[in-house]
Amino acid sequence: MREIFRHRDSVKVGLYQSILEEAQIVCFIKNSLTQQRAAGSEFDPVLCVQYDEDSGRALQILAAHEAMDQPAGKEWICPACKEPVPGELGKCWSCERERLEV
């Protein structure tokens, strides 16, 4: 058994548990009920993998998820219609013109 992720937000810990279970990694959450009663990181929910040999793969999967969760870039202005476009879009939502630079 190895601890791989600790966070105050039990929802985030539960999401990560689901991601690992989908990848067929046996895992569980410690301190899932103590968070509401006590303050401090020693009582925060902790995601653990059952088998130590799965910890490296689990950390890679969670790191990849974190990278996808980051904003894709700054908002840009469409040169054709002058509308602001979210950075993660490769073409304008309004006129569908392709983004020139990324």
PDB file of N, CA and C in Angstrom:
ATOM      1  N   MET A   1       0.846  -1.174   0.000  1.00  0.00           N
ATOM      2  CA  MET A   1       0.000   0.000   0.000  1.00  0.00           C
ATOM      3  C   MET A   1       0.893   1.240   0.000  1.00  0.00           C
ATOM      4  N   ARG A   2       0.557   2.202  -0.870  1.00  0.00           N
ATOM      5  CA  ARG A   2       1.335   3.437  -0.943  1.00  0.00           C
ATOM      6  C   ARG A   2       0.404   4.628  -1.134  1.00  0.00           C
ATOM      7  N   GLU A   3       0.624   5.677  -0.336  1.00  0.00           N
ATOM      8  CA  GLU A   3      -0.121   6.923  -0.501  1.00  0.00           C
ATOM      9  C   GLU A   3       0.404   7.643  -1.734  1.00  0.00           C
ATOM     10  N   ILE A   4      -0.529   8.138  -2.586  1.00  0.00           N
ATOM     11  CA  ILE A   4      -0.067   8.836  -3.783  1.00  0.00           C
ATOM     12  C   ILE A   4      -0.655  10.234  -3.944  1.00  0.00           C
ATOM     13  N   PHE A   5      -1.745  10.536  -3.209  1.00  0.00           N
ATOM     14  CA  PHE A   5      -2.351  11.858  -3.371  1.00  0.00           C
ATOM     15  C   PHE A   5      -3.121  12.219  -2.112  1.00  0.00           C
ATOM     16  N   ARG A   6      -2.892  13.447  -1.637  1.00  0.00           N
ATOM     17  CA  ARG A   6      -3.595  13.962  -0.448  1.00  0.00           C
ATOM     18  C   ARG A   6      -4.133  15.344  -0.791  1.00  0.00           C
ATOM     19  N   HIS A   7      -5.402  15.591  -0.445  1.00  0.00           N
ATOM     20  CA  HIS A   7      -5.995  16.896  -0.745  1.00  0.00           C
ATOM     21  C   HIS A   7      -7.179  17.119   0.186  1.00  0.00           C
ATOM     22  N   ARG A   8      -7.428  18.375   0.550  1.00  0.00           N
ATOM     23  CA  ARG A   8      -8.571  18.713   1.408  1.00  0.00           C
ATOM     24  C   ARG A   8      -9.906  18.447   0.730  1.00  0.00           C
ATOM     25  N   ASP A   9      -9.935  18.557  -0.581  1.00  0.00           N
ATOM     26  CA  ASP A   9     -11.170  18.391  -1.338  1.00  0.00           C
ATOM     27  C   ASP A   9     -11.430  16.906  -1.597  1.00  0.00           C
ATOM     28  N   SER A  10     -12.364  16.342  -0.848  1.00  0.00           N
ATOM     29  CA  SER A  10     -12.656  14.912  -0.995  1.00  0.00           C
ATOM     30  C   SER A  10     -13.227  14.579  -2.369  1.00  0.00           C
ATOM     31  N   VAL A  11     -13.857  15.554  -3.026  1.00  0.00           N
ATOM     32  CA  VAL A  11     -14.383  15.324  -4.373  1.00  0.00           C
ATOM     33  C   VAL A  11     -13.239  15.094  -5.355  1.00  0.00           C
ATOM     34  N   LYS A  12     -12.180  15.888  -5.245  1.00  0.00           N
ATOM     35  CA  LYS A  12     -11.023  15.721  -6.126  1.00  0.00           C
ATOM     36  C   LYS A  12     -10.349  14.376  -5.872  1.00  0.00           C
ATOM     37  N   VAL A  13     -10.226  13.996  -4.613  1.00  0.00           N
ATOM     38  CA  VAL A  13      -9.627  12.704  -4.280  1.00  0.00           C
ATOM     39  C   VAL A  13     -10.485  11.576  -4.863  1.00  0.00           C
ATOM     40  N   GLY A  14     -11.810  11.705  -4.760  1.00  0.00           N
ATOM     41  CA  GLY A  14     -12.712  10.703  -5.325  1.00  0.00           C
ATOM     42  C   GLY A  14     -12.624  10.634  -6.842  1.00  0.00           C
ATOM     43  N   LEU A  15     -12.479  11.788  -7.494  1.00  0.00           N
ATOM     44  CA  LEU A  15     -12.304  11.808  -8.945  1.00  0.00           C
ATOM     45  C   LEU A  15     -11.041  11.058  -9.332  1.00  0.00           C
ATOM     46  N   TYR A  16      -9.962  11.309  -8.636  1.00  0.00           N
ATOM     47  CA  TYR A  16      -8.700  10.629  -8.936  1.00  0.00           C
ATOM     48  C   TYR A  16      -8.816   9.126  -8.683  1.00  0.00           C
ATOM     49  N   GLN A  17      -9.556   8.754  -7.657  1.00  0.00           N
ATOM     50  CA  GLN A  17      -9.789   7.329  -7.413  1.00  0.00           C
ATOM     51  C   GLN A  17     -10.499   6.700  -8.614  1.00  0.00           C
ATOM     52  N   SER A  18     -11.515   7.370  -9.126  1.00  0.00           N
ATOM     53  CA  SER A  18     -12.252   6.861 -10.286  1.00  0.00           C
ATOM     54  C   SER A  18     -11.350   6.733 -11.513  1.00  0.00           C
ATOM     55  N   ILE A  19     -10.484   7.715 -11.731  1.00  0.00           N
ATOM     56  CA  ILE A  19      -9.565   7.679 -12.869  1.00  0.00           C
ATOM     57  C   ILE A  19      -8.649   6.466 -12.774  1.00  0.00           C
ATOM     58  N   LEU A  20      -8.113   6.217 -11.578  1.00  0.00           N
ATOM     59  CA  LEU A  20      -7.215   5.070 -11.404  1.00  0.00           C
ATOM     60  C   LEU A  20      -7.956   3.746 -11.514  1.00  0.00           C
ATOM     61  N   GLU A  21      -9.162   3.684 -10.977  1.00  0.00           N
ATOM     62  CA  GLU A  21      -9.938   2.447 -11.079  1.00  0.00           C
ATOM     63  C   GLU A  21     -10.272   2.135 -12.535  1.00  0.00           C
ATOM     64  N   GLU A  22     -10.532   3.166 -13.327  1.00  0.00           N
ATOM     65  CA  GLU A  22     -10.793   2.969 -14.751  1.00  0.00           C
ATOM     66  C   GLU A  22      -9.564   2.391 -15.453  1.00  0.00           C
ATOM     67  N   ALA A  23      -8.374   2.718 -14.935  1.00  0.00           N
ATOM     68  CA  ALA A  23      -7.128   2.186 -15.485  1.00  0.00           C
ATOM     69  C   ALA A  23      -6.762   0.836 -14.847  1.00  0.00           C
ATOM     70  N   GLN A  24      -7.710   0.232 -14.141  1.00  0.00           N
ATOM     71  CA  GLN A  24      -7.520  -1.083 -13.503  1.00  0.00           C
ATOM     72  C   GLN A  24      -6.453  -1.064 -12.410  1.00  0.00           C
ATOM     73  N   ILE A  25      -6.318   0.054 -11.699  1.00  0.00           N
ATOM     74  CA  ILE A  25      -5.402   0.152 -10.564  1.00  0.00           C
ATOM     75  C   ILE A  25      -6.237   0.082  -9.296  1.00  0.00           C
ATOM     76  N   VAL A  26      -5.936  -0.895  -8.454  1.00  0.00           N
ATOM     77  CA  VAL A  26      -6.675  -1.079  -7.205  1.00  0.00           C
ATOM     78  C   VAL A  26      -6.251   0.013  -6.234  1.00  0.00           C
ATOM     79  N   CYS A  27      -7.234   0.797  -5.762  1.00  0.00           N
ATOM     80  CA  CYS A  27      -6.925   1.907  -4.871  1.00  0.00           C
ATOM     81  C   CYS A  27      -8.078   2.135  -3.892  1.00  0.00           C
ATOM     82  N   PHE A  28      -7.808   2.942  -2.874  1.00  0.00           N
ATOM     83  CA  PHE A  28      -8.822   3.267  -1.872  1.00  0.00           C
ATOM     84  C   PHE A  28      -8.489   4.604  -1.235  1.00  0.00           C
ATOM     85  N   ILE A  29      -9.464   5.159  -0.515  1.00  0.00           N
ATOM     86  CA  ILE A  29      -9.277   6.455   0.143  1.00  0.00           C
ATOM     87  C   ILE A  29      -9.251   6.255   1.657  1.00  0.00           C
ATOM     88  N   LYS A  30      -8.189   6.767   2.282  1.00  0.00           N
ATOM     89  CA  LYS A  30      -8.111   6.805   3.749  1.00  0.00           C
ATOM     90  C   LYS A  30      -8.611   8.169   4.213  1.00  0.00           C
ATOM     91  N   ASN A  31      -9.114   8.249   5.417  1.00  0.00           N
ATOM     92  CA  ASN A  31      -9.579   9.494   6.038  1.00  0.00           C
ATOM     93  C   ASN A  31     -10.755  10.104   5.296  1.00  0.00           C
ATOM     94  N   SER A  32     -11.578   9.310   4.678  1.00  0.00           N
ATOM     95  CA  SER A  32     -12.686   9.881   3.908  1.00  0.00           C
ATOM     96  C   SER A  32     -13.744  10.525   4.800  1.00  0.00           C
ATOM     97  N   LEU A  33     -13.832  10.130   6.055  1.00  0.00           N
ATOM     98  CA  LEU A  33     -14.848  10.694   6.946  1.00  0.00           C
ATOM     99  C   LEU A  33     -14.281  11.657   7.976  1.00  0.00           C
ATOM    100  N   THR A  34     -12.980  11.612   8.227  1.00  0.00           N
ATOM    101  CA  THR A  34     -12.408  12.456   9.283  1.00  0.00           C
ATOM    102  C   THR A  34     -12.258  13.902   8.872  1.00  0.00           C
ATOM    103  N   GLN A  35     -12.256  14.190   7.573  1.00  0.00           N
ATOM    104  CA  GLN A  35     -12.036  15.552   7.098  1.00  0.00           C
ATOM    105  C   GLN A  35     -13.063  16.523   7.667  1.00  0.00           C
ATOM    106  N   GLN A  36     -14.307  16.107   7.761  1.00  0.00           N
ATOM    107  CA  GLN A  36     -15.334  17.027   8.232  1.00  0.00           C
ATOM    108  C   GLN A  36     -15.198  17.336   9.717  1.00  0.00           C
ATOM    109  N   ARG A  37     -14.543  16.488  10.462  1.00  0.00           N
ATOM    110  CA  ARG A  37     -14.476  16.666  11.903  1.00  0.00           C
ATOM    111  C   ARG A  37     -13.226  17.397  12.374  1.00  0.00           C
ATOM    112  N   ALA A  38     -12.140  17.264  11.646  1.00  0.00           N
ATOM    113  CA  ALA A  38     -10.878  17.814  12.130  1.00  0.00           C
ATOM    114  C   ALA A  38     -10.170  18.600  11.032  1.00  0.00           C
ATOM    115  N   ALA A  39      -9.508  19.649  11.430  1.00  0.00           N
ATOM    116  CA  ALA A  39      -8.744  20.451  10.471  1.00  0.00           C
ATOM    117  C   ALA A  39      -7.286  20.021  10.518  1.00  0.00           C
ATOM    118  N   GLY A  40      -6.601  20.132   9.408  1.00  0.00           N
ATOM    119  CA  GLY A  40      -5.184  19.779   9.358  1.00  0.00           C
ATOM    120  C   GLY A  40      -4.915  18.706   8.334  1.00  0.00           C
ATOM    121  N   SER A  41      -3.758  18.793   7.715  1.00  0.00           N
ATOM    122  CA  SER A  41      -3.453  17.899   6.603  1.00  0.00           C
ATOM    123  C   SER A  41      -3.374  16.437   7.008  1.00  0.00           C
ATOM    124  N   GLU A  42      -3.073  16.136   8.254  1.00  0.00           N
ATOM    125  CA  GLU A  42      -3.005  14.730   8.664  1.00  0.00           C
ATOM    126  C   GLU A  42      -4.377  14.062   8.647  1.00  0.00           C
ATOM    127  N   PHE A  43      -5.432  14.851   8.567  1.00  0.00           N
ATOM    128  CA  PHE A  43      -6.789  14.303   8.515  1.00  0.00           C
ATOM    129  C   PHE A  43      -7.429  14.437   7.133  1.00  0.00           C
ATOM    130  N   ASP A  44      -6.713  15.004   6.175  1.00  0.00           N
ATOM    131  CA  ASP A  44      -7.246  15.145   4.819  1.00  0.00           C
ATOM    132  C   ASP A  44      -7.403  13.769   4.168  1.00  0.00           C
ATOM    133  N   PRO A  45      -8.339  13.641   3.222  1.00  0.00           N
ATOM    134  CA  PRO A  45      -8.477  12.381   2.487  1.00  0.00           C
ATOM    135  C   PRO A  45      -7.196  12.057   1.716  1.00  0.00           C
ATOM    136  N   VAL A  46      -6.828  10.785   1.718  1.00  0.00           N
ATOM    137  CA  VAL A  46      -5.603  10.323   1.078  1.00  0.00           C
ATOM    138  C   VAL A  46      -5.949   9.189   0.117  1.00  0.00           C
ATOM    139  N   LEU A  47      -5.517   9.318  -1.125  1.00  0.00           N
ATOM    140  CA  LEU A  47      -5.700   8.262  -2.109  1.00  0.00           C
ATOM    141  C   LEU A  47      -4.484   7.343  -2.057  1.00  0.00           C
ATOM    142  N   CYS A  48      -4.741   6.051  -1.915  1.00  0.00           N
ATOM    143  CA  CYS A  48      -3.669   5.058  -1.815  1.00  0.00           C
ATOM    144  C   CYS A  48      -3.857   3.993  -2.884  1.00  0.00           C
ATOM    145  N   VAL A  49      -2.741   3.498  -3.413  1.00  0.00           N
ATOM    146  CA  VAL A  49      -2.808   2.330  -4.293  1.00  0.00           C
ATOM    147  C   VAL A  49      -2.527   1.101  -3.437  1.00  0.00           C
ATOM    148  N   GLN A  50      -3.229   0.035  -3.733  1.00  0.00           N
ATOM    149  CA  GLN A  50      -3.093  -1.193  -2.947  1.00  0.00           C
ATOM    150  C   GLN A  50      -1.710  -1.821  -3.125  1.00  0.00           C
ATOM    151  N   TYR A  51      -1.209  -1.824  -4.358  1.00  0.00           N
ATOM    152  CA  TYR A  51       0.048  -2.500  -4.655  1.00  0.00           C
ATOM    153  C   TYR A  51       1.123  -1.474  -5.009  1.00  0.00           C
ATOM    154  N   ASP A  52       2.241  -1.525  -4.302  1.00  0.00           N
ATOM    155  CA  ASP A  52       3.327  -0.559  -4.505  1.00  0.00           C
ATOM    156  C   ASP A  52       3.786  -0.492  -5.958  1.00  0.00           C
ATOM    157  N   GLU A  53       3.785  -1.620  -6.642  1.00  0.00           N
ATOM    158  CA  GLU A  53       4.267  -1.631  -8.028  1.00  0.00           C
ATOM    159  C   GLU A  53       3.368  -0.827  -8.972  1.00  0.00           C
ATOM    160  N   ASP A  54       2.148  -0.505  -8.557  1.00  0.00           N
ATOM    161  CA  ASP A  54       1.243   0.313  -9.364  1.00  0.00           C
ATOM    162  C   ASP A  54       1.434   1.811  -9.144  1.00  0.00           C
ATOM    163  N   SER A  55       2.233   2.188  -8.153  1.00  0.00           N
ATOM    164  CA  SER A  55       2.311   3.605  -7.784  1.00  0.00           C
ATOM    165  C   SER A  55       2.914   4.469  -8.890  1.00  0.00           C
ATOM    166  N   GLY A  56       3.942   4.001  -9.576  1.00  0.00           N
ATOM    167  CA  GLY A  56       4.547   4.784 -10.650  1.00  0.00           C
ATOM    168  C   GLY A  56       3.572   5.045 -11.786  1.00  0.00           C
ATOM    169  N   ARG A  57       2.867   4.004 -12.200  1.00  0.00           N
ATOM    170  CA  ARG A  57       1.877   4.159 -13.268  1.00  0.00           C
ATOM    171  C   ARG A  57       0.742   5.070 -12.819  1.00  0.00           C
ATOM    172  N   ALA A  58       0.310   4.922 -11.575  1.00  0.00           N
ATOM    173  CA  ALA A  58      -0.766   5.755 -11.040  1.00  0.00           C
ATOM    174  C   ALA A  58      -0.361   7.229 -11.046  1.00  0.00           C
ATOM    175  N   LEU A  59       0.852   7.516 -10.636  1.00  0.00           N
ATOM    176  CA  LEU A  59       1.329   8.901 -10.622  1.00  0.00           C
ATOM    177  C   LEU A  59       1.408   9.466 -12.035  1.00  0.00           C
ATOM    178  N   GLN A  60       1.817   8.663 -13.010  1.00  0.00           N
ATOM    179  CA  GLN A  60       1.858   9.110 -14.400  1.00  0.00           C
ATOM    180  C   GLN A  60       0.463   9.438 -14.914  1.00  0.00           C
ATOM    181  N   ILE A  61      -0.508   8.587 -14.594  1.00  0.00           N
ATOM    182  CA  ILE A  61      -1.885   8.805 -15.040  1.00  0.00           C
ATOM    183  C   ILE A  61      -2.432  10.095 -14.440  1.00  0.00           C
ATOM    184  N   LEU A  62      -2.196  10.302 -13.148  1.00  0.00           N
ATOM    185  CA  LEU A  62      -2.709  11.508 -12.494  1.00  0.00           C
ATOM    186  C   LEU A  62      -1.997  12.760 -12.994  1.00  0.00           C
ATOM    187  N   ALA A  63      -0.698  12.654 -13.289  1.00  0.00           N
ATOM    188  CA  ALA A  63       0.040  13.803 -13.830  1.00  0.00           C
ATOM    189  C   ALA A  63      -0.506  14.174 -15.211  1.00  0.00           C
ATOM    190  N   ALA A  64      -0.817  13.171 -16.018  1.00  0.00           N
ATOM    191  CA  ALA A  64      -1.389  13.437 -17.346  1.00  0.00           C
ATOM    192  C   ALA A  64      -2.752  14.107 -17.211  1.00  0.00           C
ATOM    193  N   HIS A  65      -3.542  13.678 -16.243  1.00  0.00           N
ATOM    194  CA  HIS A  65      -4.847  14.298 -16.016  1.00  0.00           C
ATOM    195  C   HIS A  65      -4.683  15.753 -15.582  1.00  0.00           C
ATOM    196  N   GLU A  66      -3.746  16.014 -14.695  1.00  0.00           N
ATOM    197  CA  GLU A  66      -3.491  17.385 -14.245  1.00  0.00           C
ATOM    198  C   GLU A  66      -3.068  18.273 -15.412  1.00  0.00           C
ATOM    199  N   ALA A  67      -2.235  17.733 -16.297  1.00  0.00           N
ATOM    200  CA  ALA A  67      -1.775  18.516 -17.448  1.00  0.00           C
ATOM    201  C   ALA A  67      -2.944  18.865 -18.361  1.00  0.00           C
ATOM    202  N   MET A  68      -3.888  17.954 -18.532  1.00  0.00           N
ATOM    203  CA  MET A  68      -5.059  18.218 -19.367  1.00  0.00           C
ATOM    204  C   MET A  68      -5.983  19.231 -18.714  1.00  0.00           C
ATOM    205  N   ASP A  69      -5.921  19.311 -17.402  1.00  0.00           N
ATOM    206  CA  ASP A  69      -6.801  20.189 -16.649  1.00  0.00           C
ATOM    207  C   ASP A  69      -6.342  21.647 -16.663  1.00  0.00           C
ATOM    208  N   GLN A  70      -5.133  21.907 -17.160  1.00  0.00           N
ATOM    209  CA  GLN A  70      -4.594  23.259 -17.198  1.00  0.00           C
ATOM    210  C   GLN A  70      -5.187  24.034 -18.362  1.00  0.00           C
ATOM    211  N   PRO A  71      -5.349  25.337 -18.209  1.00  0.00           N
ATOM    212  CA  PRO A  71      -5.844  26.143 -19.331  1.00  0.00           C
ATOM    213  C   PRO A  71      -4.933  26.003 -20.549  1.00  0.00           C
ATOM    214  N   ALA A  72      -5.525  25.960 -21.718  1.00  0.00           N
ATOM    215  CA  ALA A  72      -4.767  25.728 -22.952  1.00  0.00           C
ATOM    216  C   ALA A  72      -4.007  26.964 -23.418  1.00  0.00           C
ATOM    217  N   GLY A  73      -4.348  28.111 -22.970  1.00  0.00           N
ATOM    218  CA  GLY A  73      -3.648  29.316 -23.406  1.00  0.00           C
ATOM    219  C   GLY A  73      -4.500  30.549 -23.203  1.00  0.00           C
ATOM    220  N   LYS A  74      -3.923  31.671 -23.577  1.00  0.00           N
ATOM    221  CA  LYS A  74      -4.622  32.936 -23.411  1.00  0.00           C
ATOM    222  C   LYS A  74      -5.716  33.100 -24.448  1.00  0.00           C
ATOM    223  N   GLU A  75      -6.709  33.838 -24.035  1.00  0.00           N
ATOM    224  CA  GLU A  75      -7.774  34.210 -24.970  1.00  0.00           C
ATOM    225  C   GLU A  75      -7.160  34.984 -26.133  1.00  0.00           C
ATOM    226  N   TRP A  76      -7.698  34.795 -27.339  1.00  0.00           N
ATOM    227  CA  TRP A  76      -7.191  35.497 -28.516  1.00  0.00           C
ATOM    228  C   TRP A  76      -8.346  36.176 -29.232  1.00  0.00           C
ATOM    229  N   ILE A  77      -8.001  37.137 -30.061  1.00  0.00           N
ATOM    230  CA  ILE A  77      -8.999  37.906 -30.815  1.00  0.00           C
ATOM    231  C   ILE A  77      -8.979  37.419 -32.263  1.00  0.00           C
ATOM    232  N   CYS A  78     -10.131  37.057 -32.766  1.00  0.00           N
ATOM    233  CA  CYS A  78     -10.241  36.609 -34.149  1.00  0.00           C
ATOM    234  C   CYS A  78      -9.929  37.775 -35.082  1.00  0.00           C
ATOM    235  N   PRO A  79      -8.992  37.591 -36.021  1.00  0.00           N
ATOM    236  CA  PRO A  79      -8.659  38.691 -36.926  1.00  0.00           C
ATOM    237  C   PRO A  79      -9.776  39.007 -37.921  1.00  0.00           C
ATOM    238  N   ALA A  80     -10.677  38.057 -38.145  1.00  0.00           N
ATOM    239  CA  ALA A  80     -11.748  38.276 -39.122  1.00  0.00           C
ATOM    240  C   ALA A  80     -12.933  39.028 -38.523  1.00  0.00           C
ATOM    241  N   CYS A  81     -13.458  38.535 -37.393  1.00  0.00           N
ATOM    242  CA  CYS A  81     -14.677  39.132 -36.841  1.00  0.00           C
ATOM    243  C   CYS A  81     -14.447  39.918 -35.551  1.00  0.00           C
ATOM    244  N   LYS A  82     -13.209  39.877 -35.040  1.00  0.00           N
ATOM    245  CA  LYS A  82     -12.807  40.647 -33.852  1.00  0.00           C
ATOM    246  C   LYS A  82     -13.451  40.150 -32.551  1.00  0.00           C
ATOM    247  N   GLU A  83     -13.979  38.934 -32.560  1.00  0.00           N
ATOM    248  CA  GLU A  83     -14.563  38.372 -31.342  1.00  0.00           C
ATOM    249  C   GLU A  83     -13.470  37.758 -30.468  1.00  0.00           C
ATOM    250  N   PRO A  84     -13.591  37.872 -29.124  1.00  0.00           N
ATOM    251  CA  PRO A  84     -12.654  37.166 -28.241  1.00  0.00           C
ATOM    252  C   PRO A  84     -12.970  35.666 -28.271  1.00  0.00           C
ATOM    253  N   VAL A  85     -11.903  34.857 -28.312  1.00  0.00           N
ATOM    254  CA  VAL A  85     -12.045  33.409 -28.422  1.00  0.00           C
ATOM    255  C   VAL A  85     -11.243  32.759 -27.291  1.00  0.00           C
ATOM    256  N   PRO A  86     -11.814  31.798 -26.556  1.00  0.00           N
ATOM    257  CA  PRO A  86     -11.062  31.103 -25.499  1.00  0.00           C
ATOM    258  C   PRO A  86      -9.799  30.450 -26.062  1.00  0.00           C
ATOM    259  N   GLY A  87      -8.734  30.453 -25.275  1.00  0.00           N
ATOM    260  CA  GLY A  87      -7.442  29.955 -25.714  1.00  0.00           C
ATOM    261  C   GLY A  87      -7.419  28.509 -26.142  1.00  0.00           C
ATOM    262  N   GLU A  88      -8.320  27.680 -25.605  1.00  0.00           N
ATOM    263  CA  GLU A  88      -8.303  26.264 -25.955  1.00  0.00           C
ATOM    264  C   GLU A  88      -8.901  25.967 -27.330  1.00  0.00           C
ATOM    265  N   LEU A  89      -9.547  26.963 -27.951  1.00  0.00           N
ATOM    266  CA  LEU A  89     -10.150  26.756 -29.263  1.00  0.00           C
ATOM    267  C   LEU A  89      -9.151  27.062 -30.375  1.00  0.00           C
ATOM    268  N   GLY A  90      -9.146  26.232 -31.401  1.00  0.00           N
ATOM    269  CA  GLY A  90      -8.247  26.407 -32.533  1.00  0.00           C
ATOM    270  C   GLY A  90      -8.859  27.200 -33.666  1.00  0.00           C
ATOM    271  N   LYS A  91     -10.164  27.463 -33.567  1.00  0.00           N
ATOM    272  CA  LYS A  91     -10.812  28.322 -34.551  1.00  0.00           C
ATOM    273  C   LYS A  91     -11.885  29.148 -33.856  1.00  0.00           C
ATOM    274  N   CYS A  92     -12.250  30.229 -34.468  1.00  0.00           N
ATOM    275  CA  CYS A  92     -13.211  31.168 -33.892  1.00  0.00           C
ATOM    276  C   CYS A  92     -14.570  30.498 -33.725  1.00  0.00           C
ATOM    277  N   TRP A  93     -15.183  30.707 -32.588  1.00  0.00           N
ATOM    278  CA  TRP A  93     -16.504  30.145 -32.321  1.00  0.00           C
ATOM    279  C   TRP A  93     -17.582  30.866 -33.124  1.00  0.00           C
ATOM    280  N   SER A  94     -17.307  32.098 -33.540  1.00  0.00           N
ATOM    281  CA  SER A  94     -18.298  32.918 -34.219  1.00  0.00           C
ATOM    282  C   SER A  94     -18.276  32.739 -35.738  1.00  0.00           C
ATOM    283  N   CYS A  95     -17.105  32.916 -36.334  1.00  0.00           N
ATOM    284  CA  CYS A  95     -17.024  32.866 -37.796  1.00  0.00           C
ATOM    285  C   CYS A  95     -16.282  31.629 -38.307  1.00  0.00           C
ATOM    286  N   GLU A  96     -15.743  30.840 -37.392  1.00  0.00           N
ATOM    287  CA  GLU A  96     -15.036  29.588 -37.698  1.00  0.00           C
ATOM    288  C   GLU A  96     -13.719  29.766 -38.443  1.00  0.00           C
ATOM    289  N   ARG A  97     -13.145  30.946 -38.379  1.00  0.00           N
ATOM    290  CA  ARG A  97     -11.820  31.149 -38.984  1.00  0.00           C
ATOM    291  C   ARG A  97     -10.774  30.452 -38.121  1.00  0.00           C
ATOM    292  N   GLU A  98      -9.834  29.766 -38.768  1.00  0.00           N
ATOM    293  CA  GLU A  98      -8.758  29.061 -38.064  1.00  0.00           C
ATOM    294  C   GLU A  98      -7.849  30.060 -37.353  1.00  0.00           C
ATOM    295  N   ARG A  99      -7.344  29.633 -36.213  1.00  0.00           N
ATOM    296  CA  ARG A  99      -6.372  30.450 -35.478  1.00  0.00           C
ATOM    297  C   ARG A  99      -5.054  30.443 -36.250  1.00  0.00           C
ATOM    298  N   LEU A 100      -4.452  31.592 -36.422  1.00  0.00           N
ATOM    299  CA  LEU A 100      -3.223  31.699 -37.198  1.00  0.00           C
ATOM    300  C   LEU A 100      -2.001  31.236 -36.421  1.00  0.00           C
ATOM    301  N   GLU A 101      -1.844  31.682 -35.191  1.00  0.00           N
ATOM    302  CA  GLU A 101      -0.713  31.290 -34.375  1.00  0.00           C
ATOM    303  C   GLU A 101      -1.220  30.669 -33.093  1.00  0.00           C
ATOM    304  N   VAL A 102      -0.458  29.740 -32.564  1.00  0.00           N
ATOM    305  CA  VAL A 102      -0.848  29.059 -31.325  1.00  0.00           C
ATOM    306  C   VAL A 102       0.167  29.332 -30.257  1.00  0.00           C
TER     307      VAL A 102
END
